[in-house]
Amino acid sequence: MNERPELDRQLDSAVFREYYYLKEELVRFCHENGLPTSGGKQELTERIAHYLETGKVLPSAPKPKKSGAPAEITGDSIIEENFACTEKHRAFAPKSTVRFSSRSSARAFRSMFRSRNG
């Protein structure tokens, strides 16, 4: 395999895509050339390839909006799209968690649960 070329403005975008670059290198290139540095490695790679092909800055993609969490979380709540564990979710967890004083009581609970739920 050939030696990896230096990542600079003269690099052909097709050649750029053939080689592996560390995210740190991609971010440095973006920073040095006035490109947005946000996003993951794949997004940075696409942004740099576009820049190498056209000389134009591809704006960073907008972050997806988080859907609204339910006003109240219950055991029947459906996990919302783009779930992020918030303070409301963390507050619900201890209330809904069953604690056992011994292994035998945990076994008894599992046995009861299985018999009720088939």
Protein backbone atom coordinates (compact mmCIF):
# COMPACT_ATOMS: atom_id res chain seq x y z
CA MET A 1 0.00 0.00 0.00
CA ASN A 2 1.20 3.50 -0.79
CA GLU A 3 2.19 5.94 1.89
CA ARG A 4 -0.76 7.98 3.07
CA PRO A 5 -0.79 11.49 1.56
CA GLU A 6 -0.72 14.61 3.72
CA LEU A 7 -4.19 16.05 4.29
CA ASP A 8 -4.08 19.48 2.67
CA ARG A 9 -6.09 21.66 0.27
CA GLN A 10 -4.33 20.26 -2.82
CA LEU A 11 -5.39 16.67 -2.09
CA ASP A 12 -7.88 15.16 -4.57
CA SER A 13 -11.14 14.21 -2.83
CA ALA A 14 -11.12 10.69 -4.38
CA VAL A 15 -7.60 10.10 -3.03
CA PHE A 16 -8.66 11.54 0.34
CA ARG A 17 -11.50 9.00 0.59
CA GLU A 18 -9.12 6.09 -0.05
CA TYR A 19 -7.15 6.67 3.15
CA TYR A 20 -7.84 6.56 6.86
CA TYR A 21 -7.39 9.77 8.82
CA LEU A 22 -7.81 10.21 12.55
CA LYS A 23 -10.68 12.39 13.69
CA GLU A 24 -8.10 14.68 15.29
CA GLU A 25 -6.52 15.22 11.85
CA LEU A 26 -9.91 15.90 10.26
CA VAL A 27 -10.82 18.43 12.94
CA ARG A 28 -7.43 20.16 12.56
CA PHE A 29 -7.91 20.40 8.77
CA CYS A 30 -11.41 21.84 9.25
CA HIS A 31 -10.18 24.36 11.79
CA GLU A 32 -7.28 25.47 9.57
CA ASN A 33 -9.55 25.89 6.54
CA GLY A 34 -12.55 27.57 8.14
CA LEU A 35 -14.84 24.53 8.02
CA PRO A 36 -17.21 23.65 10.87
CA THR A 37 -15.52 21.22 13.28
CA SER A 38 -18.69 19.77 14.80
CA GLY A 39 -19.99 16.29 14.10
CA GLY A 40 -18.68 12.78 13.96
CA LYS A 41 -15.90 11.41 11.84
CA GLN A 42 -18.21 10.47 8.96
CA GLU A 43 -19.73 13.97 8.84
CA LEU A 44 -16.27 15.57 8.95
CA THR A 45 -15.08 13.29 6.13
CA GLU A 46 -18.06 14.25 3.95
CA ARG A 47 -17.52 17.94 4.69
CA ILE A 48 -13.81 17.77 3.81
CA ALA A 49 -14.43 15.74 0.63
CA HIS A 50 -17.02 18.31 -0.49
CA TYR A 51 -14.55 21.11 0.26
CA LEU A 52 -11.76 19.38 -1.68
CA GLU A 53 -14.09 18.83 -4.67
CA THR A 54 -15.76 22.24 -4.81
CA GLY A 55 -13.74 24.60 -2.63
CA LYS A 56 -17.01 25.47 -0.87
CA VAL A 57 -17.87 25.08 2.80
CA LEU A 58 -20.62 22.56 3.45
CA PRO A 59 -22.57 23.76 6.50
CA SER A 60 -22.89 21.40 9.42
CA ALA A 61 -26.15 19.46 9.56
CA PRO A 62 -28.66 20.73 12.11
CA LYS A 63 -29.01 18.63 15.22
CA PRO A 64 -32.20 16.57 15.32
CA LYS A 65 -34.81 18.01 17.62
CA LYS A 66 -35.63 15.94 20.65
CA SER A 67 -39.24 15.00 20.89
CA GLY A 68 -41.01 16.16 24.00
CA ALA A 69 -40.83 13.82 26.96
CA PRO A 70 -44.15 12.86 28.51
CA ALA A 71 -45.38 15.20 31.23
CA GLU A 72 -45.48 12.33 33.70
CA ILE A 73 -43.60 9.06 33.46
CA THR A 74 -45.37 5.91 34.57
CA GLY A 75 -44.68 2.20 34.19
CA ASP A 76 -46.89 2.29 31.08
CA SER A 77 -45.09 5.22 29.42
CA ILE A 78 -43.66 4.57 25.96
CA ILE A 79 -40.03 5.48 25.46
CA GLU A 80 -40.02 8.54 23.25
CA GLU A 81 -38.05 8.89 20.01
CA ASN A 82 -34.49 10.26 20.42
CA PHE A 83 -34.63 9.32 24.11
CA ALA A 84 -32.24 11.15 26.40
CA CYS A 85 -32.08 10.25 30.07
CA THR A 86 -33.16 13.39 31.90
CA GLU A 87 -33.64 14.27 35.54
CA LYS A 88 -37.32 13.33 35.18
CA HIS A 89 -36.36 9.83 33.98
CA ARG A 90 -33.78 9.38 36.72
CA ALA A 91 -36.32 10.43 39.36
CA PHE A 92 -38.76 7.79 38.11
CA ALA A 93 -36.28 4.88 38.19
CA PRO A 94 -35.82 4.51 41.98
CA LYS A 95 -39.60 4.59 42.52
CA SER A 96 -40.17 1.83 39.99
CA THR A 97 -37.31 -0.44 41.02
CA VAL A 98 -38.15 -3.41 43.22
CA ARG A 99 -35.64 -4.00 46.01
CA PHE A 100 -35.23 -7.36 47.71
CA SER A 101 -33.83 -8.11 51.12
CA SER A 102 -32.47 -11.50 50.08
CA ARG A 103 -31.89 -13.79 47.12
CA SER A 104 -34.74 -16.00 48.20
CA SER A 105 -37.25 -13.14 48.03
CA ALA A 106 -35.93 -12.21 44.56
CA ARG A 107 -36.38 -15.83 43.43
CA ALA A 108 -39.91 -15.88 44.87
CA PHE A 109 -40.76 -12.68 42.97
CA ARG A 110 -39.38 -14.06 39.66
CA SER A 111 -41.34 -17.27 40.17
CA MET A 112 -44.54 -15.33 40.86
CA PHE A 113 -43.92 -13.06 37.86
CA ARG A 114 -43.36 -16.03 35.52
CA SER A 115 -46.48 -17.82 36.74
CA ARG A 116 -48.61 -14.70 36.09
CA ASN A 117 -47.05 -13.88 32.72
CA GLY A 118 -46.77 -17.37 31.29
